[in-house]
């Protein structure tokens, strides 16, 4: 029996437990397949990809240990509450340390890193490694923040891999991981499994590492635009205004219908208490505040099903990924 489980809060069946942390299949499968590919075609970019997916995915797996069914074993590990959120957010930066040693020696760096290294009197490899760590950290965290609905966490990664699959030269290496991700996307959309943090962190790190090492920073940025918007809304909500101390999402309300369809409705007249910063208070200019991309989509209609919300968000991701692919092709040509 799978040792990880988590309550499905989007199910009409209260207390329904679903196998979680199935993203470990993508994490381990990607590492193994990329390692085999590295032995066939040695390339430091593949080694960077393997290191980032392994380390960042490991952080997600450690955080997922809080969902272990064995409470005694979980308490012994002293991680009943998972990793500290600030620690989890910045720990992926440490991937810059092995990246610095991996890129040592004669490497082909972009002119930007060579010029910046000359200007700062710093080896280009050090700047490259720091940039790699920052990109992997941001991509993993930003990708992890957009989720909570069936199919959203995995299907979005499957869409975002498309421009990278077209623009990079590692088509064969990515086929296996994408097949695994496709199977997880189907099961996740059906609500039978959750990929959890190990899955979202691994997928985000894969996208960031692949885009950075292949010098596809601009297409990577464009494809992440919906996730960036979601992260900005969440950060503004959490740090500019007090958050609600409630277990339920204050901006959405679940409703049951006669035909068993789960509906969401935005609560439009919720007030947020302004947070005081030193000697002044940030004013409340509107009674309507969007906490995330999901609530922004919910604000368009009075009643929306979960599938409609997921479909709307995936349409935005599909559009940004298509634009990213076109921009990447134009830049490469």
C-alpha atoms as a PDB file:
ATOM      1  CA  UNK A   1       0.000   0.000   0.000  1.00  0.00           C
ATOM      2  CA  UNK A   2       1.320   3.468  -0.880  1.00  0.00           C
ATOM      3  CA  UNK A   3       2.535   5.144   2.338  1.00  0.00           C
ATOM      4  CA  UNK A   4       1.532   8.706   1.398  1.00  0.00           C
ATOM      5  CA  UNK A   5      -2.017  10.043   1.385  1.00  0.00           C
ATOM      6  CA  UNK A   6      -3.716  13.411   1.553  1.00  0.00           C
ATOM      7  CA  UNK A   7      -7.289  14.658   1.861  1.00  0.00           C
ATOM      8  CA  UNK A   8      -8.911  15.791  -1.366  1.00  0.00           C
ATOM      9  CA  UNK A   9     -10.413  19.142  -0.363  1.00  0.00           C
ATOM     10  CA  UNK A  10     -11.953  19.563  -3.819  1.00  0.00           C
ATOM     11  CA  UNK A  11     -14.032  16.414  -3.568  1.00  0.00           C
ATOM     12  CA  UNK A  12     -17.725  16.330  -2.727  1.00  0.00           C
ATOM     13  CA  UNK A  13     -16.935  13.378  -0.458  1.00  0.00           C
ATOM     14  CA  UNK A  14     -15.791  14.928   2.825  1.00  0.00           C
ATOM     15  CA  UNK A  15     -12.630  13.316   4.206  1.00  0.00           C
ATOM     16  CA  UNK A  16     -11.748  11.462   0.999  1.00  0.00           C
ATOM     17  CA  UNK A  17      -8.087  10.409   1.139  1.00  0.00           C
ATOM     18  CA  UNK A  18      -6.114  10.207  -2.113  1.00  0.00           C
ATOM     19  CA  UNK A  19      -2.619   8.738  -2.688  1.00  0.00           C
ATOM     20  CA  UNK A  20      -0.177  11.651  -2.734  1.00  0.00           C
ATOM     21  CA  UNK A  21       3.477  12.294  -3.595  1.00  0.00           C
ATOM     22  CA  UNK A  22       3.132  10.268  -6.820  1.00  0.00           C
ATOM     23  CA  UNK A  23       5.359  12.930  -8.370  1.00  0.00           C
ATOM     24  CA  UNK A  24       8.183  10.758  -7.053  1.00  0.00           C
ATOM     25  CA  UNK A  25       7.678   8.668 -10.218  1.00  0.00           C
ATOM     26  CA  UNK A  26       8.538  11.684 -12.370  1.00  0.00           C
ATOM     27  CA  UNK A  27      11.408  12.642 -10.059  1.00  0.00           C
ATOM     28  CA  UNK A  28      13.128   9.242 -10.057  1.00  0.00           C
ATOM     29  CA  UNK A  29      12.255   8.435 -13.671  1.00  0.00           C
ATOM     30  CA  UNK A  30      13.660  11.708 -14.962  1.00  0.00           C
ATOM     31  CA  UNK A  31      16.894  11.286 -13.025  1.00  0.00           C
ATOM     32  CA  UNK A  32      17.417   7.698 -14.200  1.00  0.00           C
ATOM     33  CA  UNK A  33      16.633   8.408 -17.859  1.00  0.00           C
ATOM     34  CA  UNK A  34      18.763  11.561 -17.915  1.00  0.00           C
ATOM     35  CA  UNK A  35      21.643   9.657 -16.280  1.00  0.00           C
ATOM     36  CA  UNK A  36      21.470   6.967 -18.951  1.00  0.00           C
ATOM     37  CA  UNK A  37      21.423   9.647 -21.627  1.00  0.00           C
ATOM     38  CA  UNK A  38      24.440  11.359 -20.010  1.00  0.00           C
ATOM     39  CA  UNK A  39      26.480   8.150 -20.208  1.00  0.00           C
ATOM     40  CA  UNK A  40      25.634   7.863 -23.902  1.00  0.00           C
ATOM     41  CA  UNK A  41      26.199  11.539 -24.753  1.00  0.00           C
ATOM     42  CA  UNK A  42      28.330  13.208 -22.045  1.00  0.00           C
ATOM     43  CA  UNK A  43      27.326  16.856 -21.728  1.00  0.00           C
ATOM     44  CA  UNK A  44      27.679  19.162 -18.736  1.00  0.00           C
ATOM     45  CA  UNK A  45      24.264  20.638 -19.461  1.00  0.00           C
ATOM     46  CA  UNK A  46      22.673  17.228 -18.876  1.00  0.00           C
ATOM     47  CA  UNK A  47      24.667  16.882 -15.663  1.00  0.00           C
ATOM     48  CA  UNK A  48      23.353  20.254 -14.487  1.00  0.00           C
ATOM     49  CA  UNK A  49      19.846  19.129 -15.348  1.00  0.00           C
ATOM     50  CA  UNK A  50      20.263  15.919 -13.316  1.00  0.00           C
ATOM     51  CA  UNK A  51      21.733  17.751 -10.315  1.00  0.00           C
ATOM     52  CA  UNK A  52      18.957  20.339 -10.214  1.00  0.00           C
ATOM     53  CA  UNK A  53      16.120  17.826 -10.533  1.00  0.00           C
ATOM     54  CA  UNK A  54      17.665  15.551  -7.893  1.00  0.00           C
ATOM     55  CA  UNK A  55      18.345  18.250  -5.299  1.00  0.00           C
ATOM     56  CA  UNK A  56      15.213  20.376  -5.718  1.00  0.00           C
ATOM     57  CA  UNK A  57      13.002  17.285  -5.987  1.00  0.00           C
ATOM     58  CA  UNK A  58      14.603  15.952  -2.806  1.00  0.00           C
ATOM     59  CA  UNK A  59      13.520  19.101  -0.961  1.00  0.00           C
ATOM     60  CA  UNK A  60       9.958  18.533  -2.140  1.00  0.00           C
ATOM     61  CA  UNK A  61      10.100  14.877  -1.100  1.00  0.00           C
ATOM     62  CA  UNK A  62      11.337  15.787   2.389  1.00  0.00           C
ATOM     63  CA  UNK A  63       8.473  18.256   2.724  1.00  0.00           C
ATOM     64  CA  UNK A  64       6.017  15.561   1.587  1.00  0.00           C
ATOM     65  CA  UNK A  65       7.054  13.273   4.446  1.00  0.00           C
ATOM     66  CA  UNK A  66       4.459  15.129   6.519  1.00  0.00           C
ATOM     67  CA  UNK A  67       1.836  13.138   4.583  1.00  0.00           C
ATOM     68  CA  UNK A  68       3.167   9.764   5.708  1.00  0.00           C
ATOM     69  CA  UNK A  69       0.430   7.465   6.966  1.00  0.00           C
ATOM     70  CA  UNK A  70       2.679   6.122   9.763  1.00  0.00           C
ATOM     71  CA  UNK A  71       2.391   8.787  12.474  1.00  0.00           C
ATOM     72  CA  UNK A  72       5.054   7.210  14.717  1.00  0.00           C
ATOM     73  CA  UNK A  73       7.641   7.188  11.956  1.00  0.00           C
ATOM     74  CA  UNK A  74       6.640  10.714  10.961  1.00  0.00           C
ATOM     75  CA  UNK A  75       7.039  11.988  14.519  1.00  0.00           C
ATOM     76  CA  UNK A  76      10.462  10.346  14.802  1.00  0.00           C
ATOM     77  CA  UNK A  77      11.607  12.316  11.777  1.00  0.00           C
ATOM     78  CA  UNK A  78      10.365  15.473  13.536  1.00  0.00           C
ATOM     79  CA  UNK A  79       8.881  16.812  10.323  1.00  0.00           C
ATOM     80  CA  UNK A  80       5.204  16.562  11.150  1.00  0.00           C
ATOM     81  CA  UNK A  81       4.758  20.105   9.879  1.00  0.00           C
ATOM     82  CA  UNK A  82       7.105  19.760   6.909  1.00  0.00           C
ATOM     83  CA  UNK A  83       9.902  22.135   6.043  1.00  0.00           C
ATOM     84  CA  UNK A  84       9.758  25.749   7.085  1.00  0.00           C
ATOM     85  CA  UNK A  85       8.282  27.690   4.163  1.00  0.00           C
ATOM     86  CA  UNK A  86      11.091  30.252   4.102  1.00  0.00           C
ATOM     87  CA  UNK A  87      13.709  27.497   4.326  1.00  0.00           C
ATOM     88  CA  UNK A  88      11.982  25.574   1.540  1.00  0.00           C
ATOM     89  CA  UNK A  89      11.821  28.676  -0.641  1.00  0.00           C
ATOM     90  CA  UNK A  90      15.524  29.536  -0.524  1.00  0.00           C
ATOM     91  CA  UNK A  91      17.239  26.162  -0.105  1.00  0.00           C
ATOM     92  CA  UNK A  92      17.205  25.447  -3.886  1.00  0.00           C
ATOM     93  CA  UNK A  93      19.784  28.253  -4.217  1.00  0.00           C
ATOM     94  CA  UNK A  94      22.382  25.791  -2.929  1.00  0.00           C
ATOM     95  CA  UNK A  95      22.281  24.059  -6.309  1.00  0.00           C
ATOM     96  CA  UNK A  96      24.657  26.842  -7.414  1.00  0.00           C
ATOM     97  CA  UNK A  97      27.489  25.167  -5.459  1.00  0.00           C
ATOM     98  CA  UNK A  98      27.661  21.896  -7.437  1.00  0.00           C
ATOM     99  CA  UNK A  99      26.844  23.862 -10.587  1.00  0.00           C
ATOM    100  CA  UNK A 100      30.018  25.923 -10.076  1.00  0.00           C
ATOM    101  CA  UNK A 101      32.189  22.776 -10.105  1.00  0.00           C
ATOM    102  CA  UNK A 102      30.291  21.176 -12.975  1.00  0.00           C
ATOM    103  CA  UNK A 103      30.887  24.114 -15.302  1.00  0.00           C
ATOM    104  CA  UNK A 104      34.602  24.399 -14.472  1.00  0.00           C
ATOM    105  CA  UNK A 105      36.996  24.164 -17.416  1.00  0.00           C
ATOM    106  CA  UNK A 106      36.609  25.328 -20.994  1.00  0.00           C
ATOM    107  CA  UNK A 107      32.962  26.156 -21.470  1.00  0.00           C
ATOM    108  CA  UNK A 108      31.004  28.088 -24.053  1.00  0.00           C
ATOM    109  CA  UNK A 109      29.266  30.835 -22.117  1.00  0.00           C
ATOM    110  CA  UNK A 110      27.021  33.488 -23.564  1.00  0.00           C
ATOM    111  CA  UNK A 111      28.616  36.879 -24.137  1.00  0.00           C
ATOM    112  CA  UNK A 112      26.624  38.268 -21.212  1.00  0.00           C
ATOM    113  CA  UNK A 113      28.430  36.071 -18.665  1.00  0.00           C
ATOM    114  CA  UNK A 114      31.855  36.726 -20.168  1.00  0.00           C
ATOM    115  CA  UNK A 115      31.356  40.495 -20.227  1.00  0.00           C
ATOM    116  CA  UNK A 116      29.877  40.565 -16.743  1.00  0.00           C
ATOM    117  CA  UNK A 117      32.721  38.405 -15.432  1.00  0.00           C
ATOM    118  CA  UNK A 118      35.267  40.768 -16.955  1.00  0.00           C
ATOM    119  CA  UNK A 119      33.471  43.783 -15.516  1.00  0.00           C
ATOM    120  CA  UNK A 120      33.259  42.344 -11.990  1.00  0.00           C
ATOM    121  CA  UNK A 121      36.598  40.509 -12.192  1.00  0.00           C
ATOM    122  CA  UNK A 122      34.790  37.253 -11.430  1.00  0.00           C
ATOM    123  CA  UNK A 123      35.073  33.965 -13.345  1.00  0.00           C
ATOM    124  CA  UNK A 124      32.194  33.566 -15.805  1.00  0.00           C
ATOM    125  CA  UNK A 125      31.580  30.095 -14.381  1.00  0.00           C
ATOM    126  CA  UNK A 126      30.735  31.608 -10.977  1.00  0.00           C
ATOM    127  CA  UNK A 127      28.228  34.042 -12.484  1.00  0.00           C
ATOM    128  CA  UNK A 128      26.764  31.234 -14.578  1.00  0.00           C
ATOM    129  CA  UNK A 129      26.388  28.978 -11.520  1.00  0.00           C
ATOM    130  CA  UNK A 130      24.720  31.721  -9.467  1.00  0.00           C
ATOM    131  CA  UNK A 131      22.349  32.501 -12.328  1.00  0.00           C
ATOM    132  CA  UNK A 132      21.555  28.804 -12.663  1.00  0.00           C
ATOM    133  CA  UNK A 133      20.746  28.544  -8.961  1.00  0.00           C
ATOM    134  CA  UNK A 134      18.516  31.619  -9.040  1.00  0.00           C
ATOM    135  CA  UNK A 135      16.582  30.421 -12.101  1.00  0.00           C
ATOM    136  CA  UNK A 136      16.046  26.927 -10.655  1.00  0.00           C
ATOM    137  CA  UNK A 137      14.913  28.406  -7.335  1.00  0.00           C
ATOM    138  CA  UNK A 138      12.455  30.809  -8.917  1.00  0.00           C
ATOM    139  CA  UNK A 139      11.048  28.302 -11.393  1.00  0.00           C
ATOM    140  CA  UNK A 140      10.541  25.615  -8.735  1.00  0.00           C
ATOM    141  CA  UNK A 141       8.836  27.967  -6.265  1.00  0.00           C
ATOM    142  CA  UNK A 142       6.712  29.790  -8.826  1.00  0.00           C
ATOM    143  CA  UNK A 143       5.551  26.527 -10.376  1.00  0.00           C
ATOM    144  CA  UNK A 144       4.769  25.068  -6.950  1.00  0.00           C
ATOM    145  CA  UNK A 145       2.528  28.014  -6.046  1.00  0.00           C
ATOM    146  CA  UNK A 146      -0.001  27.362  -8.821  1.00  0.00           C
ATOM    147  CA  UNK A 147      -1.988  24.285  -7.913  1.00  0.00           C
ATOM    148  CA  UNK A 148      -4.690  22.993  -5.623  1.00  0.00           C
ATOM    149  CA  UNK A 149      -7.056  21.834  -8.362  1.00  0.00           C
ATOM    150  CA  UNK A 150      -7.306  18.475 -10.104  1.00  0.00           C
ATOM    151  CA  UNK A 151      -4.908  18.276 -13.048  1.00  0.00           C
ATOM    152  CA  UNK A 152      -3.531  21.795 -12.750  1.00  0.00           C
ATOM    153  CA  UNK A 153      -0.186  20.930 -11.146  1.00  0.00           C
ATOM    154  CA  UNK A 154       0.781  18.319 -13.732  1.00  0.00           C
ATOM    155  CA  UNK A 155      -1.013  19.363 -16.937  1.00  0.00           C
ATOM    156  CA  UNK A 156       0.535  22.832 -16.839  1.00  0.00           C
ATOM    157  CA  UNK A 157       4.035  21.320 -16.825  1.00  0.00           C
ATOM    158  CA  UNK A 158       3.141  19.066 -19.745  1.00  0.00           C
ATOM    159  CA  UNK A 159       2.113  22.139 -21.752  1.00  0.00           C
ATOM    160  CA  UNK A 160       5.147  24.201 -20.761  1.00  0.00           C
ATOM    161  CA  UNK A 161       7.550  21.459 -21.822  1.00  0.00           C
ATOM    162  CA  UNK A 162       6.329  21.765 -25.430  1.00  0.00           C
ATOM    163  CA  UNK A 163       8.380  24.843 -26.454  1.00  0.00           C
ATOM    164  CA  UNK A 164      11.471  23.433 -24.733  1.00  0.00           C
ATOM    165  CA  UNK A 165      10.970  20.122 -26.507  1.00  0.00           C
ATOM    166  CA  UNK A 166      10.872  21.956 -29.855  1.00  0.00           C
ATOM    167  CA  UNK A 167      13.732  24.351 -29.174  1.00  0.00           C
ATOM    168  CA  UNK A 168      16.249  22.111 -27.381  1.00  0.00           C
ATOM    169  CA  UNK A 169      18.400  19.345 -28.788  1.00  0.00           C
ATOM    170  CA  UNK A 170      17.525  16.790 -26.098  1.00  0.00           C
ATOM    171  CA  UNK A 171      14.351  15.409 -27.670  1.00  0.00           C
ATOM    172  CA  UNK A 172      15.113  11.757 -26.956  1.00  0.00           C
ATOM    173  CA  UNK A 173      16.074  12.452 -23.355  1.00  0.00           C
ATOM    174  CA  UNK A 174      12.777  14.219 -22.668  1.00  0.00           C
ATOM    175  CA  UNK A 175      10.477  11.610 -24.220  1.00  0.00           C
ATOM    176  CA  UNK A 176      10.557   9.299 -21.184  1.00  0.00           C
ATOM    177  CA  UNK A 177       9.947  12.010 -18.543  1.00  0.00           C
ATOM    178  CA  UNK A 178       7.121  13.469 -20.628  1.00  0.00           C
ATOM    179  CA  UNK A 179       5.435  10.065 -20.907  1.00  0.00           C
ATOM    180  CA  UNK A 180       5.592   9.706 -17.129  1.00  0.00           C
ATOM    181  CA  UNK A 181       4.276  13.243 -16.693  1.00  0.00           C
ATOM    182  CA  UNK A 182       1.483  12.542 -19.176  1.00  0.00           C
ATOM    183  CA  UNK A 183       0.331   9.495 -17.209  1.00  0.00           C
ATOM    184  CA  UNK A 184       0.446  11.481 -13.945  1.00  0.00           C
ATOM    185  CA  UNK A 185      -1.495  14.316 -15.589  1.00  0.00           C
ATOM    186  CA  UNK A 186      -4.295  11.948 -16.572  1.00  0.00           C
ATOM    187  CA  UNK A 187      -4.514  10.398 -13.111  1.00  0.00           C
ATOM    188  CA  UNK A 188      -4.234  13.790 -11.428  1.00  0.00           C
ATOM    189  CA  UNK A 189      -6.989  15.257 -13.611  1.00  0.00           C
ATOM    190  CA  UNK A 190      -9.244  12.358 -12.614  1.00  0.00           C
ATOM    191  CA  UNK A 191      -8.526  13.082  -8.953  1.00  0.00           C
ATOM    192  CA  UNK A 192      -7.065   9.648  -8.247  1.00  0.00           C
ATOM    193  CA  UNK A 193      -3.509  10.796  -7.328  1.00  0.00           C
ATOM    194  CA  UNK A 194      -1.649  13.925  -6.247  1.00  0.00           C
ATOM    195  CA  UNK A 195       1.864  14.758  -7.450  1.00  0.00           C
ATOM    196  CA  UNK A 196       2.439  16.904  -4.319  1.00  0.00           C
ATOM    197  CA  UNK A 197       5.574  18.959  -3.636  1.00  0.00           C
ATOM    198  CA  UNK A 198       8.028  16.387  -4.941  1.00  0.00           C
ATOM    199  CA  UNK A 199       6.256  16.539  -8.291  1.00  0.00           C
ATOM    200  CA  UNK A 200       5.817  20.293  -8.579  1.00  0.00           C
ATOM    201  CA  UNK A 201       9.347  21.029  -7.407  1.00  0.00           C
ATOM    202  CA  UNK A 202      10.832  18.474  -9.805  1.00  0.00           C
ATOM    203  CA  UNK A 203       8.815  19.756 -12.756  1.00  0.00           C
ATOM    204  CA  UNK A 204       9.633  23.384 -11.996  1.00  0.00           C
ATOM    205  CA  UNK A 205      13.332  22.628 -11.584  1.00  0.00           C
ATOM    206  CA  UNK A 206      13.321  20.638 -14.842  1.00  0.00           C
ATOM    207  CA  UNK A 207      11.832  23.563 -16.748  1.00  0.00           C
ATOM    208  CA  UNK A 208      14.215  26.090 -15.204  1.00  0.00           C
ATOM    209  CA  UNK A 209      17.349  23.979 -15.659  1.00  0.00           C
ATOM    210  CA  UNK A 210      16.531  23.034 -19.228  1.00  0.00           C
ATOM    211  CA  UNK A 211      15.652  26.580 -20.254  1.00  0.00           C
ATOM    212  CA  UNK A 212      18.723  28.120 -18.624  1.00  0.00           C
ATOM    213  CA  UNK A 213      21.305  25.613 -19.843  1.00  0.00           C
ATOM    214  CA  UNK A 214      19.962  25.813 -23.410  1.00  0.00           C
ATOM    215  CA  UNK A 215      20.053  29.647 -23.293  1.00  0.00           C
ATOM    216  CA  UNK A 216      16.289  29.897 -23.655  1.00  0.00           C
ATOM    217  CA  UNK A 217      15.762  32.377 -20.833  1.00  0.00           C
ATOM    218  CA  UNK A 218      13.301  34.574 -22.756  1.00  0.00           C
ATOM    219  CA  UNK A 219      11.002  31.724 -23.902  1.00  0.00           C
ATOM    220  CA  UNK A 220      11.190  30.297 -20.388  1.00  0.00           C
ATOM    221  CA  UNK A 221      10.134  33.636 -18.912  1.00  0.00           C
ATOM    222  CA  UNK A 222       7.218  33.979 -21.350  1.00  0.00           C
ATOM    223  CA  UNK A 223       5.940  30.468 -20.671  1.00  0.00           C
ATOM    224  CA  UNK A 224       6.008  31.179 -16.918  1.00  0.00           C
ATOM    225  CA  UNK A 225       3.953  34.403 -17.181  1.00  0.00           C
ATOM    226  CA  UNK A 226       0.693  32.899 -15.777  1.00  0.00           C
ATOM    227  CA  UNK A 227       2.648  31.374 -12.885  1.00  0.00           C
ATOM    228  CA  UNK A 228       4.410  34.688 -12.268  1.00  0.00           C
ATOM    229  CA  UNK A 229       1.074  36.526 -12.162  1.00  0.00           C
ATOM    230  CA  UNK A 230      -0.237  33.954  -9.702  1.00  0.00           C
ATOM    231  CA  UNK A 231       2.836  34.310  -7.480  1.00  0.00           C
ATOM    232  CA  UNK A 232       2.658  38.109  -7.510  1.00  0.00           C
ATOM    233  CA  UNK A 233      -1.001  38.037  -6.455  1.00  0.00           C
ATOM    234  CA  UNK A 234      -0.240  35.580  -3.648  1.00  0.00           C
ATOM    235  CA  UNK A 235       2.737  37.564  -2.365  1.00  0.00           C
ATOM    236  CA  UNK A 236       0.808  40.835  -2.454  1.00  0.00           C
ATOM    237  CA  UNK A 237      -2.041  39.181  -0.604  1.00  0.00           C
ATOM    238  CA  UNK A 238       0.186  37.638   2.069  1.00  0.00           C
ATOM    239  CA  UNK A 239       2.580  40.496   2.720  1.00  0.00           C
ATOM    240  CA  UNK A 240       0.602  43.670   2.030  1.00  0.00           C
ATOM    241  CA  UNK A 241      -2.587  42.621   3.815  1.00  0.00           C
ATOM    242  CA  UNK A 242      -3.357  40.351   6.713  1.00  0.00           C
ATOM    243  CA  UNK A 243      -4.298  36.868   5.696  1.00  0.00           C
ATOM    244  CA  UNK A 244      -7.369  35.126   7.045  1.00  0.00           C
ATOM    245  CA  UNK A 245      -6.894  32.739   9.926  1.00  0.00           C
ATOM    246  CA  UNK A 246      -9.199  30.061   8.581  1.00  0.00           C
ATOM    247  CA  UNK A 247      -8.863  26.590   7.172  1.00  0.00           C
ATOM    248  CA  UNK A 248     -11.213  27.376   4.282  1.00  0.00           C
ATOM    249  CA  UNK A 249     -10.354  29.572   1.324  1.00  0.00           C
ATOM    250  CA  UNK A 250     -12.057  32.907   2.170  1.00  0.00           C
ATOM    251  CA  UNK A 251     -12.340  33.874  -1.480  1.00  0.00           C
ATOM    252  CA  UNK A 252     -14.183  30.813  -2.688  1.00  0.00           C
ATOM    253  CA  UNK A 253     -17.107  28.888  -1.381  1.00  0.00           C
ATOM    254  CA  UNK A 254     -17.885  25.306  -2.266  1.00  0.00           C
ATOM    255  CA  UNK A 255     -21.474  24.548  -3.151  1.00  0.00           C
ATOM    256  CA  UNK A 256     -23.207  21.251  -3.834  1.00  0.00           C
ATOM    257  CA  UNK A 257     -25.716  20.958  -6.635  1.00  0.00           C
ATOM    258  CA  UNK A 258     -28.411  18.394  -7.334  1.00  0.00           C
ATOM    259  CA  UNK A 259     -26.385  16.786 -10.124  1.00  0.00           C
ATOM    260  CA  UNK A 260     -23.293  16.433  -7.948  1.00  0.00           C
ATOM    261  CA  UNK A 261     -21.189  19.143  -9.647  1.00  0.00           C
ATOM    262  CA  UNK A 262     -18.805  21.022  -7.403  1.00  0.00           C
ATOM    263  CA  UNK A 263     -19.177  24.764  -7.898  1.00  0.00           C
ATOM    264  CA  UNK A 264     -17.052  27.673  -6.778  1.00  0.00           C
ATOM    265  CA  UNK A 265     -18.330  31.177  -6.202  1.00  0.00           C
ATOM    266  CA  UNK A 266     -16.211  34.226  -5.289  1.00  0.00           C
ATOM    267  CA  UNK A 267     -17.098  36.186  -2.193  1.00  0.00           C
ATOM    268  CA  UNK A 268     -16.889  39.690  -3.612  1.00  0.00           C
ATOM    269  CA  UNK A 269     -17.454  41.776  -0.486  1.00  0.00           C
ATOM    270  CA  UNK A 270     -14.704  40.508   1.789  1.00  0.00           C
ATOM    271  CA  UNK A 271     -12.652  43.154   3.572  1.00  0.00           C
ATOM    272  CA  UNK A 272      -9.004  42.730   4.372  1.00  0.00           C
ATOM    273  CA  UNK A 273      -7.416  44.365   7.373  1.00  0.00           C
ATOM    274  CA  UNK A 274      -4.585  46.647   6.235  1.00  0.00           C
ATOM    275  CA  UNK A 275      -1.173  45.850   7.632  1.00  0.00           C
ATOM    276  CA  UNK A 276       0.701  48.696   9.261  1.00  0.00           C
ATOM    277  CA  UNK A 277       4.224  49.329   8.040  1.00  0.00           C
ATOM    278  CA  UNK A 278       6.085  51.477  10.558  1.00  0.00           C
ATOM    279  CA  UNK A 279       4.292  54.854  10.741  1.00  0.00           C
ATOM    280  CA  UNK A 280       1.788  54.551   7.900  1.00  0.00           C
ATOM    281  CA  UNK A 281      -1.013  52.250   6.857  1.00  0.00           C
ATOM    282  CA  UNK A 282      -1.565  50.889   3.362  1.00  0.00           C
ATOM    283  CA  UNK A 283      -5.083  52.008   2.360  1.00  0.00           C
ATOM    284  CA  UNK A 284      -7.758  49.668   1.132  1.00  0.00           C
ATOM    285  CA  UNK A 285      -8.719  51.046  -2.256  1.00  0.00           C
ATOM    286  CA  UNK A 286     -11.183  48.294  -3.079  1.00  0.00           C
ATOM    287  CA  UNK A 287     -13.196  45.677  -1.264  1.00  0.00           C
ATOM    288  CA  UNK A 288     -12.250  43.098  -3.900  1.00  0.00           C
ATOM    289  CA  UNK A 289      -8.793  41.565  -3.632  1.00  0.00           C
ATOM    290  CA  UNK A 290      -7.520  38.671  -5.737  1.00  0.00           C
ATOM    291  CA  UNK A 291      -5.451  36.176  -3.781  1.00  0.00           C
ATOM    292  CA  UNK A 292      -4.265  34.137  -6.753  1.00  0.00           C
ATOM    293  CA  UNK A 293      -4.782  33.439 -10.435  1.00  0.00           C
ATOM    294  CA  UNK A 294      -7.545  31.027  -9.462  1.00  0.00           C
ATOM    295  CA  UNK A 295      -9.557  33.721  -7.683  1.00  0.00           C
ATOM    296  CA  UNK A 296      -8.930  36.060 -10.600  1.00  0.00           C
ATOM    297  CA  UNK A 297     -10.509  33.493 -12.917  1.00  0.00           C
ATOM    298  CA  UNK A 298     -13.344  32.939 -10.456  1.00  0.00           C
ATOM    299  CA  UNK A 299     -14.183  36.636 -10.467  1.00  0.00           C
ATOM    300  CA  UNK A 300     -15.277  36.436 -14.104  1.00  0.00           C
ATOM    301  CA  UNK A 301     -18.386  34.364 -13.355  1.00  0.00           C
ATOM    302  CA  UNK A 302     -20.716  33.989 -10.427  1.00  0.00           C
ATOM    303  CA  UNK A 303     -20.666  30.179 -10.471  1.00  0.00           C
ATOM    304  CA  UNK A 304     -17.866  28.129 -11.991  1.00  0.00           C
ATOM    305  CA  UNK A 305     -17.083  24.429 -11.872  1.00  0.00           C
ATOM    306  CA  UNK A 306     -13.638  23.192 -10.929  1.00  0.00           C
ATOM    307  CA  UNK A 307     -13.052  21.833 -14.432  1.00  0.00           C
ATOM    308  CA  UNK A 308     -13.902  25.216 -15.934  1.00  0.00           C
ATOM    309  CA  UNK A 309     -11.403  26.940 -13.661  1.00  0.00           C
ATOM    310  CA  UNK A 310      -8.665  24.449 -14.570  1.00  0.00           C
ATOM    311  CA  UNK A 311      -9.523  24.752 -18.259  1.00  0.00           C
ATOM    312  CA  UNK A 312      -9.335  28.554 -18.123  1.00  0.00           C
ATOM    313  CA  UNK A 313      -5.955  28.584 -16.388  1.00  0.00           C
ATOM    314  CA  UNK A 314      -4.561  25.956 -18.758  1.00  0.00           C
ATOM    315  CA  UNK A 315      -5.694  28.084 -21.693  1.00  0.00           C
ATOM    316  CA  UNK A 316      -3.580  30.965 -20.384  1.00  0.00           C
ATOM    317  CA  UNK A 317      -0.613  28.627 -19.955  1.00  0.00           C
ATOM    318  CA  UNK A 318      -1.130  27.216 -23.446  1.00  0.00           C
ATOM    319  CA  UNK A 319      -1.194  30.726 -24.912  1.00  0.00           C
ATOM    320  CA  UNK A 320       1.981  31.797 -23.100  1.00  0.00           C
ATOM    321  CA  UNK A 321       3.749  28.570 -24.112  1.00  0.00           C
ATOM    322  CA  UNK A 322       2.755  29.067 -27.756  1.00  0.00           C
ATOM    323  CA  UNK A 323       4.085  32.631 -27.692  1.00  0.00           C
ATOM    324  CA  UNK A 324       7.273  31.373 -26.012  1.00  0.00           C
ATOM    325  CA  UNK A 325       7.784  28.797 -28.763  1.00  0.00           C
ATOM    326  CA  UNK A 326       7.299  31.392 -31.512  1.00  0.00           C
ATOM    327  CA  UNK A 327       9.679  33.838 -29.806  1.00  0.00           C
ATOM    328  CA  UNK A 328      12.256  31.080 -29.333  1.00  0.00           C
ATOM    329  CA  UNK A 329      12.083  30.104 -32.999  1.00  0.00           C
ATOM    330  CA  UNK A 330      12.451  33.750 -34.085  1.00  0.00           C
ATOM    331  CA  UNK A 331      15.413  34.313 -31.756  1.00  0.00           C
ATOM    332  CA  UNK A 332      17.170  31.140 -32.934  1.00  0.00           C
ATOM    333  CA  UNK A 333      16.636  31.932 -36.621  1.00  0.00           C
END
